[in-house]
Protein backbone atom coordinates (compact mmCIF):
# COMPACT_ATOMS: atom_id res chain seq x y z
CA UNK A 1 27.42 70.22 21.40
CA UNK A 2 30.86 71.73 20.72
CA UNK A 3 31.91 74.41 23.16
CA UNK A 4 33.85 77.33 21.77
CA UNK A 5 35.31 79.63 24.45
CA UNK A 6 35.71 82.49 21.97
CA UNK A 7 33.80 82.79 18.74
CA UNK A 8 35.87 84.15 15.89
CA UNK A 9 35.18 84.79 12.25
CA UNK A 10 36.87 81.40 11.59
CA UNK A 11 34.52 79.48 13.92
CA UNK A 12 31.90 77.13 12.47
CA UNK A 13 28.40 77.88 13.78
CA UNK A 14 25.14 76.50 12.41
CA UNK A 15 23.04 79.35 10.97
CA UNK A 16 19.80 77.65 11.94
CA UNK A 17 20.39 76.67 15.57
CA UNK A 18 23.51 78.77 16.41
CA UNK A 19 25.40 75.78 17.85
CA UNK A 20 29.15 75.56 17.37
CA UNK A 21 30.02 72.54 15.26
CA UNK A 22 33.29 71.02 14.03
CA UNK A 23 34.88 72.60 10.96
CA UNK A 24 34.90 69.19 9.31
CA UNK A 25 31.20 68.39 9.11
CA UNK A 26 28.48 67.17 6.76
CA UNK A 27 25.87 69.57 8.12
CA UNK A 28 24.71 70.34 11.61
CA UNK A 29 24.46 67.21 13.76
CA UNK A 30 21.99 69.00 16.08
CA UNK A 31 19.29 70.34 13.76
CA UNK A 32 20.44 68.69 10.43
CA UNK A 33 20.83 72.03 8.66
CA UNK A 34 23.12 71.74 5.62
CA UNK A 35 24.12 73.74 2.60
CA UNK A 36 22.62 72.45 -0.65
CA UNK A 37 25.20 74.31 -2.69
CA UNK A 38 28.08 71.94 -1.94
CA UNK A 39 28.53 68.19 -2.36
CA UNK A 40 28.60 67.26 1.30
CA UNK A 41 26.21 69.79 2.84
CA UNK A 42 29.10 71.18 4.87
CA UNK A 43 28.39 74.20 7.05
CA UNK A 44 31.29 76.60 6.54
CA UNK A 45 33.01 78.97 8.94
CA UNK A 46 31.43 82.35 9.62
CA UNK A 47 33.94 83.86 7.17
CA UNK A 48 32.93 81.36 4.46
CA UNK A 49 29.20 81.83 5.04
CA UNK A 50 29.42 85.61 4.93
CA UNK A 51 31.65 85.60 1.82
CA UNK A 52 29.27 83.22 -0.01
CA UNK A 53 26.11 85.21 0.71
CA UNK A 54 24.91 87.85 -1.67
CA UNK A 55 23.35 90.01 0.98
CA UNK A 56 20.81 87.32 1.87
CA UNK A 57 20.82 85.74 5.28
CA UNK A 58 17.30 84.38 5.29
CA UNK A 59 16.12 81.88 7.90
CA UNK A 60 19.02 82.29 10.29
CA UNK A 61 18.62 82.23 13.99
CA UNK A 62 18.88 85.49 15.93
CA UNK A 63 21.50 83.77 18.08
CA UNK A 64 23.54 83.17 14.91
CA UNK A 65 23.48 86.90 14.13
CA UNK A 66 24.61 87.67 17.69
CA UNK A 67 27.53 85.25 17.25
CA UNK A 68 28.47 86.95 13.97
CA UNK A 69 28.49 90.32 15.76
CA UNK A 70 30.54 88.84 18.60
CA UNK A 71 33.08 87.41 16.13
CA UNK A 72 33.32 90.82 14.48
CA UNK A 73 33.98 92.44 17.83
CA UNK A 74 30.80 94.52 17.76
């Protein structure tokens, strides 16, 4: 598990299990979540995930949403 002392909008966090993962990844090594919409299944940064979504954040962990709020300074 990667430890991030401060979550920012440019951190990479798995939407399914809310674990910080390396920016260079091929999906979450913990729960195997990956994005089907790119060639390598890479989980993007919070900024990339939020920019790519069209108002739909289905099946994300409540902890992930807390991390997004923390990164936004809420």
